[in-house]
Amino acid sequence: MNDTSAGEKDGNTAYGHKPFKRSRSHFADRITADGRDGWPVEAGRYRLVVSRACPWASRALVSRRLLGLEPVLSLAVTDPIQDDRSWRFTLDEGGRDPVLGHRYLSEAYDAREQGYPGGVSVPAIVDVPTKSLVTNDFQQITLDLATEWTELHRPGAPDLYPEPLRDEIDTVMEGIYRDVNNGVYRTGFASGQDEYEAAFTGLFRRLDLVSERLTDRRYLVGDTITEADIRLFTTLVRFDPVYHGHFKCNRAKLSEDPVLWAYVRDLYQTPGFGDTVDFDHIKRHYYQVHTGINPTGIVPLGPDLSGWLTPHHREQLGGRPFGDGTPPGTVPAGEEVPAAGRP
């Protein structure tokens, strides 16, 4: 999530002047098993920087948990509220990340490219020895965690991007990205009525198609959790708390669609998903940072979160969440979501 290049700052400071457009990641180096971009997979070398508010960063949080990469890829969590230098480490003692020593994620960007004119986005992976950014390519990071970091996966880690299903996964993810993941932003930051209505229509058309697809299958592709489910989950989990009202995606609440509401609860209650979600961070970020949409900065008290823990009955559709693998272990000490962010 990036308040400049992703278009959100445009929504805050120049709201109504130009259509929402999400920029491409500027730093697209890949961390690979063979190190072909100069960044080999190596335990302890890299630090994943996220905001728990951000759906794009949340993908990496879920993947890291499911694959058991916590011991080899350390985690930094930023404050959900940004200032004019963007993501900051004010949640840490002394306002500095204890590993990188940075006060702002922008310092890792500056170490990589001095005077970089773009926005500072999460997720970001930083090289710990040099304190320098490696990549902010949110689309590729999770795919590489699933396919390039395999030697460091935990025993029993699921295959989140199985080779025989990749074409289907890619096709499903493409529509979801365009109309849902990015569609809520195009709706929320629309600069005119026609633009808003087109994005709104595309969003709910896709949600209807996804709901129909999930009526008789537990997961989007195959009978196990894949990258496609992760990418859909991180938008759906934010839908009622922020997108329905804040982004005017209000044809219906997610909780009013029996299929999607059961699907997202199923995932939320699966280890590795809900234990990464901080509803407090999510709500405070969207309602307090997007001043062009919510100039008062008031954070709503609702919705009631207790429903997230109610039975979903999706297990009746079969499916094996982790395939031939096993659930991830307990959340590492220090990475637990605070009580204020949980149902």
Protein backbone atom coordinates (compact mmCIF):
# COMPACT_ATOMS: atom_id res chain seq x y z
CA MET A 1 0.00 0.00 0.00
CA ASN A 2 1.44 3.28 -1.10
CA ASP A 3 -0.11 6.67 -0.55
CA THR A 4 1.70 8.24 -3.47
CA SER A 5 2.30 5.86 -6.34
CA ALA A 6 -0.71 3.71 -5.55
CA GLY A 7 -2.95 6.73 -5.88
CA GLU A 8 -4.15 7.07 -2.30
CA LYS A 9 -2.41 10.38 -1.77
CA ASP A 10 -4.13 11.60 -4.89
CA GLY A 11 -7.36 10.61 -3.17
CA ASN A 12 -6.35 12.62 -0.09
CA THR A 13 -4.92 15.80 -1.52
CA ALA A 14 -6.23 16.05 -5.06
CA TYR A 15 -9.50 14.23 -4.71
CA GLY A 16 -11.66 14.67 -7.79
CA HIS A 17 -8.91 15.72 -10.19
CA LYS A 18 -7.90 12.48 -11.87
CA PRO A 19 -8.91 8.82 -12.00
CA PHE A 20 -7.40 6.33 -9.61
CA LYS A 21 -4.46 4.48 -11.12
CA ARG A 22 -2.23 2.03 -9.27
CA SER A 23 1.42 2.34 -10.28
CA ARG A 24 3.75 -0.56 -10.90
CA SER A 25 6.33 -1.48 -8.28
CA HIS A 26 9.56 0.40 -8.95
CA PHE A 27 11.88 -2.06 -7.21
CA ALA A 28 11.11 -5.43 -8.77
CA ASP A 29 14.26 -7.41 -7.93
CA ARG A 30 13.50 -10.98 -6.95
CA ILE A 31 14.93 -13.05 -4.11
CA THR A 32 15.46 -16.45 -5.68
CA ALA A 33 16.98 -19.82 -4.91
CA ASP A 34 19.74 -19.26 -7.48
CA GLY A 35 20.23 -15.57 -6.65
CA ARG A 36 20.03 -14.55 -10.30
CA ASP A 37 19.09 -10.96 -9.42
CA GLY A 38 21.88 -10.78 -6.86
CA TRP A 39 19.60 -11.66 -3.96
CA PRO A 40 19.83 -15.35 -3.01
CA VAL A 41 17.38 -16.91 -0.58
CA GLU A 42 19.20 -16.96 2.74
CA ALA A 43 17.91 -17.51 6.27
CA GLY A 44 18.11 -14.41 8.43
CA ARG A 45 19.33 -12.07 5.71
CA TYR A 46 16.06 -10.28 4.92
CA ARG A 47 13.36 -8.43 6.83
CA LEU A 48 9.74 -8.23 5.72
CA VAL A 49 8.19 -4.83 6.43
CA VAL A 50 4.39 -4.67 6.50
CA SER A 51 1.45 -2.69 7.69
CA ARG A 52 -1.31 -4.85 9.10
CA ALA A 53 -3.72 -2.28 7.66
CA CYS A 54 -2.65 -2.93 4.08
CA PRO A 55 -4.27 -5.70 2.02
CA TRP A 56 -1.25 -6.04 -0.27
CA ALA A 57 1.11 -6.45 2.71
CA SER A 58 -1.33 -8.82 4.39
CA ARG A 59 -0.84 -11.27 1.54
CA ALA A 60 2.81 -11.59 2.55
CA LEU A 61 1.86 -11.95 6.23
CA VAL A 62 -0.46 -14.87 5.46
CA SER A 63 2.01 -16.56 3.11
CA ARG A 64 4.86 -16.25 5.59
CA ARG A 65 2.71 -17.85 8.32
CA LEU A 66 1.37 -20.70 6.18
CA LEU A 67 4.84 -21.56 4.86
CA GLY A 68 6.47 -21.36 8.29
CA LEU A 69 9.03 -18.75 7.27
CA GLU A 70 8.91 -16.83 10.55
CA PRO A 71 12.27 -18.17 11.82
CA VAL A 72 14.10 -17.24 8.61
CA LEU A 73 12.37 -14.03 7.46
CA SER A 74 11.99 -11.54 10.28
CA LEU A 75 9.04 -9.17 10.51
CA ALA A 76 8.67 -5.43 11.05
CA VAL A 77 5.20 -3.95 11.55
CA THR A 78 4.66 -0.25 10.92
CA ASP A 79 2.28 2.17 12.56
CA PRO A 80 -1.06 2.14 10.70
CA ILE A 81 -1.09 5.94 10.71
CA GLN A 82 1.37 7.61 8.37
CA ASP A 83 2.84 11.10 8.43
CA ASP A 84 4.33 13.06 5.52
CA ARG A 85 7.24 10.58 5.34
CA SER A 86 4.83 7.65 5.07
CA TRP A 87 5.31 4.36 6.94
CA ARG A 88 7.01 4.76 10.32
CA PHE A 89 8.24 2.45 13.07
CA THR A 90 6.58 4.23 15.99
CA LEU A 91 5.23 0.95 17.38
CA ASP A 92 8.78 -0.05 18.32
CA GLU A 93 10.64 1.14 21.39
CA GLY A 94 12.28 4.48 20.71
CA GLY A 95 10.44 4.78 17.39
CA ARG A 96 13.07 2.74 15.55
CA ASP A 97 12.93 -0.69 14.00
CA PRO A 98 15.12 -2.79 16.33
CA VAL A 99 16.83 -4.66 13.47
CA LEU A 100 17.20 -2.00 10.78
CA GLY A 101 17.58 0.98 13.07
CA HIS A 102 15.32 3.03 10.80
CA ARG A 103 12.62 5.42 11.97
CA TYR A 104 10.94 5.38 8.57
CA LEU A 105 10.73 2.76 5.86
CA SER A 106 11.75 5.53 3.45
CA GLU A 107 15.28 5.24 4.87
CA ALA A 108 15.57 1.77 3.32
CA TYR A 109 14.33 3.21 0.03
CA ASP A 110 16.92 6.02 0.24
CA ALA A 111 19.65 3.47 0.92
CA ARG A 112 18.69 1.73 -2.31
CA GLU A 113 18.15 4.80 -4.49
CA GLN A 114 18.93 8.26 -3.13
CA GLY A 115 16.28 10.76 -4.11
CA TYR A 116 13.83 8.11 -5.32
CA PRO A 117 10.80 10.18 -6.39
CA GLY A 118 8.10 7.55 -5.96
CA GLY A 119 6.00 6.55 -3.00
CA VAL A 120 7.06 4.37 -0.08
CA SER A 121 4.99 1.19 -0.18
CA VAL A 122 4.48 -2.01 1.76
CA PRO A 123 5.09 -4.89 1.62
CA ALA A 124 8.80 -4.32 1.33
CA ILE A 125 11.69 -6.72 1.82
CA VAL A 126 14.87 -5.14 3.15
CA ASP A 127 18.40 -6.53 3.09
CA VAL A 128 19.45 -6.49 6.75
CA PRO A 129 23.25 -6.20 6.26
CA THR A 130 22.94 -3.08 4.08
CA LYS A 131 19.61 -1.79 5.53
CA SER A 132 18.59 -1.30 1.90
CA LEU A 133 15.36 -2.11 0.08
CA VAL A 134 15.39 -5.21 -2.11
CA THR A 135 11.85 -5.29 -3.50
CA ASN A 136 8.42 -3.75 -3.12
CA ASP A 137 6.84 -5.89 -5.86
CA PHE A 138 3.70 -6.93 -4.00
CA GLN A 139 2.47 -9.11 -6.86
CA GLN A 140 5.67 -11.19 -7.03
CA ILE A 141 6.76 -11.35 -3.39
CA THR A 142 4.24 -13.98 -2.32
CA LEU A 143 4.74 -16.08 -5.45
CA ASP A 144 8.47 -16.18 -4.71
CA LEU A 145 7.88 -17.04 -1.06
CA ALA A 146 5.87 -20.03 -2.29
CA THR A 147 8.22 -21.20 -5.07
CA GLU A 148 11.75 -19.88 -4.47
CA TRP A 149 11.97 -20.25 -0.68
CA THR A 150 10.98 -23.92 -0.63
CA GLU A 151 14.18 -25.16 1.05
CA LEU A 152 13.34 -22.97 4.04
CA HIS A 153 9.65 -23.90 4.26
CA ARG A 154 8.52 -25.64 7.43
CA PRO A 155 7.86 -29.38 7.28
CA GLY A 156 4.26 -29.82 6.17
CA ALA A 157 4.04 -26.44 4.45
CA PRO A 158 1.26 -26.31 1.82
CA ASP A 159 1.94 -25.79 -1.88
CA LEU A 160 0.29 -22.41 -2.40
CA TYR A 161 1.07 -22.22 -6.13
CA PRO A 162 0.92 -25.81 -7.42
CA GLU A 163 2.40 -26.06 -10.89
CA PRO A 164 -0.46 -28.07 -12.49
CA LEU A 165 -2.97 -25.39 -11.43
CA ARG A 166 -0.97 -22.23 -12.13
CA ASP A 167 -2.73 -21.27 -15.36
CA GLU A 168 -6.12 -21.51 -13.67
CA ILE A 169 -4.88 -19.73 -10.55
CA ASP A 170 -3.45 -16.91 -12.67
CA THR A 171 -6.69 -16.52 -14.61
CA VAL A 172 -8.80 -16.40 -11.44
CA MET A 173 -6.40 -13.97 -9.77
CA GLU A 174 -6.36 -11.65 -12.77
CA GLY A 175 -10.11 -11.04 -12.61
CA ILE A 176 -10.09 -10.73 -8.84
CA TYR A 177 -7.21 -8.26 -8.91
CA ARG A 178 -8.77 -6.04 -11.56
CA ASP A 179 -12.33 -5.97 -10.25
CA VAL A 180 -12.06 -6.71 -6.52
CA ASN A 181 -8.58 -6.10 -5.05
CA ASN A 182 -8.08 -2.96 -7.12
CA GLY A 183 -11.77 -2.45 -7.81
CA VAL A 184 -12.57 -1.31 -4.28
CA TYR A 185 -9.91 1.40 -4.64
CA ARG A 186 -11.16 2.49 -8.05
CA THR A 187 -14.60 2.76 -6.51
CA GLY A 188 -13.47 4.57 -3.38
CA PHE A 189 -11.21 7.06 -5.14
CA ALA A 190 -13.39 7.64 -8.20
CA SER A 191 -13.26 11.27 -9.33
CA GLY A 192 -16.68 11.37 -10.96
CA GLN A 193 -20.04 9.65 -10.94
CA ASP A 194 -19.55 7.70 -14.18
CA GLU A 195 -16.13 6.45 -13.07
CA TYR A 196 -17.56 5.44 -9.70
CA GLU A 197 -20.51 3.60 -11.19
CA ALA A 198 -18.32 1.69 -13.65
CA ALA A 199 -15.96 0.54 -10.88
CA PHE A 200 -18.87 -0.26 -8.54
CA THR A 201 -20.61 -2.32 -11.21
CA GLY A 202 -17.45 -4.23 -12.07
CA LEU A 203 -16.74 -4.94 -8.42
CA PHE A 204 -20.12 -6.46 -7.65
CA ARG A 205 -20.31 -8.30 -10.95
CA ARG A 206 -17.06 -10.05 -10.03
CA LEU A 207 -18.17 -10.70 -6.46
CA ASP A 208 -21.33 -12.33 -7.82
CA LEU A 209 -19.24 -14.55 -10.11
CA VAL A 210 -16.91 -15.49 -7.26
CA SER A 211 -19.87 -16.26 -5.00
CA GLU A 212 -21.32 -18.52 -7.68
CA ARG A 213 -17.96 -20.24 -8.13
CA LEU A 214 -17.67 -20.90 -4.40
CA THR A 215 -21.19 -22.26 -3.98
CA ASP A 216 -20.13 -25.88 -4.40
CA ARG A 217 -16.38 -25.70 -3.86
CA ARG A 218 -14.54 -24.77 -0.70
CA TYR A 219 -11.61 -22.98 -2.34
CA LEU A 220 -11.16 -21.00 -5.53
CA VAL A 221 -8.91 -23.46 -7.40
CA GLY A 222 -8.57 -27.14 -6.59
CA ASP A 223 -9.38 -28.55 -3.18
CA THR A 224 -6.70 -26.75 -1.14
CA ILE A 225 -5.81 -23.20 -0.19
CA THR A 226 -3.80 -21.46 -2.92
CA GLU A 227 -2.41 -18.02 -3.64
CA ALA A 228 -5.78 -17.12 -5.17
CA ASP A 229 -7.56 -17.58 -1.84
CA ILE A 230 -4.97 -15.47 -0.03
CA ARG A 231 -5.42 -12.60 -2.48
CA LEU A 232 -9.20 -12.67 -2.27
CA PHE A 233 -9.23 -13.03 1.52
CA THR A 234 -7.22 -9.87 2.21
CA THR A 235 -9.82 -7.76 0.41
CA LEU A 236 -12.90 -9.58 1.69
CA VAL A 237 -11.79 -9.36 5.33
CA ARG A 238 -11.73 -5.54 4.96
CA PHE A 239 -15.00 -5.27 3.09
CA ASP A 240 -17.56 -4.64 5.82
CA PRO A 241 -15.21 -2.75 8.20
CA VAL A 242 -14.01 -0.22 5.60
CA TYR A 243 -14.88 -0.73 1.93
CA HIS A 244 -18.67 -0.92 2.32
CA GLY A 245 -18.96 2.52 3.91
CA HIS A 246 -15.66 4.32 3.46
CA PHE A 247 -15.26 3.40 -0.22
CA LYS A 248 -19.01 3.50 -1.00
CA CYS A 249 -19.04 -0.21 -2.00
CA ASN A 250 -22.51 -0.42 -0.53
CA ARG A 251 -24.73 -2.51 -2.76
CA ALA A 252 -24.60 -5.06 0.03
CA LYS A 253 -22.42 -6.02 2.94
CA LEU A 254 -20.29 -9.11 2.59
CA SER A 255 -22.15 -10.58 5.56
CA GLU A 256 -25.31 -10.44 3.45
CA ASP A 257 -23.90 -12.90 0.89
CA PRO A 258 -24.22 -16.35 2.53
CA VAL A 259 -21.54 -17.94 0.34
CA LEU A 260 -18.85 -15.24 0.55
CA TRP A 261 -19.50 -14.62 4.23
CA ALA A 262 -19.09 -18.33 5.03
CA TYR A 263 -16.01 -18.57 2.77
CA VAL A 264 -14.18 -15.65 4.36
CA ARG A 265 -15.05 -16.87 7.88
CA ASP A 266 -13.71 -20.31 6.97
CA LEU A 267 -10.40 -18.75 5.99
CA TYR A 268 -10.37 -16.36 8.94
CA GLN A 269 -10.70 -19.32 11.30
CA THR A 270 -7.90 -21.22 9.50
CA PRO A 271 -4.50 -20.86 11.22
CA GLY A 272 -2.36 -18.41 9.28
CA PHE A 273 -5.22 -16.17 8.15
CA GLY A 274 -7.20 -14.63 11.01
CA ASP A 275 -4.20 -14.60 13.33
CA THR A 276 -2.57 -12.00 11.03
CA VAL A 277 -5.61 -9.67 10.83
CA ASP A 278 -5.73 -6.51 12.96
CA PHE A 279 -9.13 -4.85 12.56
CA ASP A 280 -8.03 -1.93 14.74
CA HIS A 281 -5.11 -1.12 12.43
CA ILE A 282 -7.30 -1.57 9.37
CA LYS A 283 -10.02 0.82 10.51
CA ARG A 284 -7.70 3.48 11.92
CA HIS A 285 -5.59 3.57 8.76
CA TYR A 286 -8.39 3.90 6.25
CA TYR A 287 -10.54 6.34 8.20
CA GLN A 288 -7.72 8.53 9.55
CA VAL A 289 -5.29 8.60 6.62
CA HIS A 290 -7.73 9.07 3.73
CA THR A 291 -8.68 12.63 4.69
CA GLY A 292 -9.96 13.41 1.19
CA ILE A 293 -12.73 10.86 1.75
CA ASN A 294 -13.16 11.19 5.51
CA PRO A 295 -12.05 14.72 6.46
CA THR A 296 -13.22 14.42 10.08
CA GLY A 297 -10.96 11.43 10.73
CA ILE A 298 -13.71 9.82 12.79
CA VAL A 299 -13.28 6.04 13.08
CA PRO A 300 -16.63 4.21 13.26
CA LEU A 301 -17.24 1.91 16.19
CA GLY A 302 -18.85 -0.82 14.06
CA PRO A 303 -19.32 -3.30 12.66
CA ASP A 304 -19.74 -5.97 15.30
CA LEU A 305 -16.81 -8.40 14.87
CA SER A 306 -18.20 -11.31 16.87
CA GLY A 307 -19.57 -12.98 13.74
CA TRP A 308 -16.08 -13.80 12.51
CA LEU A 309 -15.87 -16.64 15.02
CA THR A 310 -19.26 -18.22 14.31
CA PRO A 311 -19.56 -21.62 12.56
CA HIS A 312 -19.29 -21.48 8.77
CA HIS A 313 -20.05 -25.13 7.83
CA ARG A 314 -17.83 -24.92 4.74
CA GLU A 315 -16.09 -28.12 5.78
CA GLN A 316 -19.17 -29.92 4.44
CA LEU A 317 -17.89 -29.13 0.93
CA GLY A 318 -14.79 -31.24 1.57
CA GLY A 319 -11.42 -29.88 0.62
CA ARG A 320 -8.13 -30.13 2.45
CA PRO A 321 -6.94 -26.70 3.61
CA PHE A 322 -3.25 -27.62 3.64
CA GLY A 323 -3.33 -30.48 1.13
CA ASP A 324 -0.98 -33.22 2.30
CA GLY A 325 0.58 -30.77 4.77
CA THR A 326 -0.29 -29.50 8.21
CA PRO A 327 -1.45 -26.24 9.81
CA PRO A 328 1.19 -23.71 10.83
CA GLY A 329 2.27 -23.61 14.45
CA THR A 330 1.42 -20.97 17.01
CA VAL A 331 2.08 -17.33 16.27
CA PRO A 332 5.64 -16.45 17.33
CA ALA A 333 6.01 -14.44 20.51
CA GLY A 334 5.86 -10.75 19.79
CA GLU A 335 3.89 -11.16 16.55
CA GLU A 336 0.46 -11.66 18.07
CA VAL A 337 -2.32 -9.29 17.01
CA PRO A 338 -3.24 -7.13 20.04
CA ALA A 339 -6.62 -7.73 21.66
CA ALA A 340 -7.95 -4.43 20.29
CA GLY A 341 -7.63 -5.82 16.76
CA ARG A 342 -9.38 -9.15 17.32
CA PRO A 343 -13.06 -10.14 17.58
